[in-house]
């Protein structure tokens, strides 16, 4: 994901076509958006992921890809 974000985006988009409700895809899209600096999209995808599987809250709190969101009130609310 970090080495080729464009390819990651393509793969995730294709996966979403086949599995539109998959929380793992939403979580990965959230990471990708967070890494690219798109905070609103990152939080939106994370919310979608958590709605599908609340288990992702804890990993999101700790994952380094979300470092740019740690001070975001919406991120904090979602991962509380």
C-alpha atoms as a PDB file:
ATOM      1  CA  UNK A   1       0.000   0.000   0.000  1.00  0.00           C
ATOM      2  CA  UNK A   2       2.770   2.421   0.886  1.00  0.00           C
ATOM      3  CA  UNK A   3       4.998   1.484  -2.024  1.00  0.00           C
ATOM      4  CA  UNK A   4       2.335   1.760  -4.738  1.00  0.00           C
ATOM      5  CA  UNK A   5      -0.794   3.565  -3.545  1.00  0.00           C
ATOM      6  CA  UNK A   6      -2.180   3.756  -7.078  1.00  0.00           C
ATOM      7  CA  UNK A   7      -2.086  -0.008  -7.464  1.00  0.00           C
ATOM      8  CA  UNK A   8      -3.568  -0.463  -3.995  1.00  0.00           C
ATOM      9  CA  UNK A   9      -6.417   1.882  -4.912  1.00  0.00           C
ATOM     10  CA  UNK A  10      -7.096  -0.085  -8.126  1.00  0.00           C
ATOM     11  CA  UNK A  11      -7.122  -3.433  -6.319  1.00  0.00           C
ATOM     12  CA  UNK A  12      -9.389  -2.145  -3.572  1.00  0.00           C
ATOM     13  CA  UNK A  13     -11.775  -0.555  -6.087  1.00  0.00           C
ATOM     14  CA  UNK A  14     -12.032  -3.848  -7.925  1.00  0.00           C
ATOM     15  CA  UNK A  15     -12.623  -5.690  -4.664  1.00  0.00           C
ATOM     16  CA  UNK A  16     -15.349  -3.236  -3.716  1.00  0.00           C
ATOM     17  CA  UNK A  17     -17.135  -3.937  -7.002  1.00  0.00           C
ATOM     18  CA  UNK A  18     -17.400  -7.595  -6.011  1.00  0.00           C
ATOM     19  CA  UNK A  19     -17.794  -7.145  -2.239  1.00  0.00           C
ATOM     20  CA  UNK A  20     -19.289  -3.683  -1.663  1.00  0.00           C
ATOM     21  CA  UNK A  21     -20.069  -4.258   2.023  1.00  0.00           C
ATOM     22  CA  UNK A  22     -16.758  -5.864   2.992  1.00  0.00           C
ATOM     23  CA  UNK A  23     -15.424  -4.094   6.111  1.00  0.00           C
ATOM     24  CA  UNK A  24     -11.857  -5.179   5.322  1.00  0.00           C
ATOM     25  CA  UNK A  25     -11.952  -3.286   2.052  1.00  0.00           C
ATOM     26  CA  UNK A  26     -13.354  -0.218   3.801  1.00  0.00           C
ATOM     27  CA  UNK A  27     -10.634  -0.456   6.466  1.00  0.00           C
ATOM     28  CA  UNK A  28      -7.918  -0.696   3.816  1.00  0.00           C
ATOM     29  CA  UNK A  29      -9.424   2.205   1.874  1.00  0.00           C
ATOM     30  CA  UNK A  30      -9.430   4.202   5.100  1.00  0.00           C
ATOM     31  CA  UNK A  31      -5.730   3.485   5.613  1.00  0.00           C
ATOM     32  CA  UNK A  32      -5.001   4.506   2.043  1.00  0.00           C
ATOM     33  CA  UNK A  33      -6.897   7.795   2.436  1.00  0.00           C
ATOM     34  CA  UNK A  34      -5.191   8.503   5.760  1.00  0.00           C
ATOM     35  CA  UNK A  35      -1.772   7.978   4.185  1.00  0.00           C
ATOM     36  CA  UNK A  36      -2.628  10.327   1.329  1.00  0.00           C
ATOM     37  CA  UNK A  37      -3.868  13.031   3.711  1.00  0.00           C
ATOM     38  CA  UNK A  38      -7.576  12.827   2.866  1.00  0.00           C
ATOM     39  CA  UNK A  39      -8.881  12.923   6.412  1.00  0.00           C
ATOM     40  CA  UNK A  40     -12.583  13.144   5.562  1.00  0.00           C
ATOM     41  CA  UNK A  41     -12.455  10.138   3.235  1.00  0.00           C
ATOM     42  CA  UNK A  42     -10.342   8.187   5.738  1.00  0.00           C
ATOM     43  CA  UNK A  43     -12.834   8.789   8.543  1.00  0.00           C
ATOM     44  CA  UNK A  44     -15.785   7.989   6.273  1.00  0.00           C
ATOM     45  CA  UNK A  45     -14.277   4.675   5.183  1.00  0.00           C
ATOM     46  CA  UNK A  46     -13.321   3.834   8.757  1.00  0.00           C
ATOM     47  CA  UNK A  47     -16.877   4.464   9.884  1.00  0.00           C
ATOM     48  CA  UNK A  48     -18.076   2.130   7.140  1.00  0.00           C
ATOM     49  CA  UNK A  49     -15.576  -0.516   8.245  1.00  0.00           C
ATOM     50  CA  UNK A  50     -16.617  -0.268  11.899  1.00  0.00           C
ATOM     51  CA  UNK A  51     -20.296  -0.518  10.982  1.00  0.00           C
ATOM     52  CA  UNK A  52     -19.468  -3.806   9.280  1.00  0.00           C
ATOM     53  CA  UNK A  53     -17.109  -5.130  11.951  1.00  0.00           C
ATOM     54  CA  UNK A  54     -16.557  -3.327  15.243  1.00  0.00           C
ATOM     55  CA  UNK A  55     -13.375  -5.378  15.762  1.00  0.00           C
ATOM     56  CA  UNK A  56     -11.439  -2.896  13.594  1.00  0.00           C
ATOM     57  CA  UNK A  57     -11.698  -0.173  16.257  1.00  0.00           C
ATOM     58  CA  UNK A  58      -8.749  -1.427  18.291  1.00  0.00           C
ATOM     59  CA  UNK A  59      -6.374  -1.989  15.349  1.00  0.00           C
ATOM     60  CA  UNK A  60      -7.240   1.454  13.968  1.00  0.00           C
ATOM     61  CA  UNK A  61      -6.301   3.102  17.279  1.00  0.00           C
ATOM     62  CA  UNK A  62      -2.834   1.540  17.102  1.00  0.00           C
ATOM     63  CA  UNK A  63      -2.048   1.320  13.376  1.00  0.00           C
ATOM     64  CA  UNK A  64       0.632   3.736  12.242  1.00  0.00           C
ATOM     65  CA  UNK A  65      -1.188   4.490   9.002  1.00  0.00           C
ATOM     66  CA  UNK A  66      -3.768   6.390  11.060  1.00  0.00           C
ATOM     67  CA  UNK A  67      -1.237   8.596  12.865  1.00  0.00           C
ATOM     68  CA  UNK A  68      -2.438  11.674  10.969  1.00  0.00           C
ATOM     69  CA  UNK A  69      -5.951  11.141  12.337  1.00  0.00           C
ATOM     70  CA  UNK A  70      -5.152  10.673  16.025  1.00  0.00           C
ATOM     71  CA  UNK A  71      -6.180  14.265  16.843  1.00  0.00           C
ATOM     72  CA  UNK A  72      -9.351  14.150  14.727  1.00  0.00           C
ATOM     73  CA  UNK A  73     -12.480  14.216  16.931  1.00  0.00           C
ATOM     74  CA  UNK A  74     -14.398  11.952  14.543  1.00  0.00           C
ATOM     75  CA  UNK A  75     -11.564   9.408  14.516  1.00  0.00           C
ATOM     76  CA  UNK A  76     -11.436   9.515  18.302  1.00  0.00           C
ATOM     77  CA  UNK A  77     -15.197   9.014  18.543  1.00  0.00           C
ATOM     78  CA  UNK A  78     -15.134   6.086  16.109  1.00  0.00           C
ATOM     79  CA  UNK A  79     -12.266   4.297  17.795  1.00  0.00           C
ATOM     80  CA  UNK A  80     -13.340   4.888  21.406  1.00  0.00           C
END
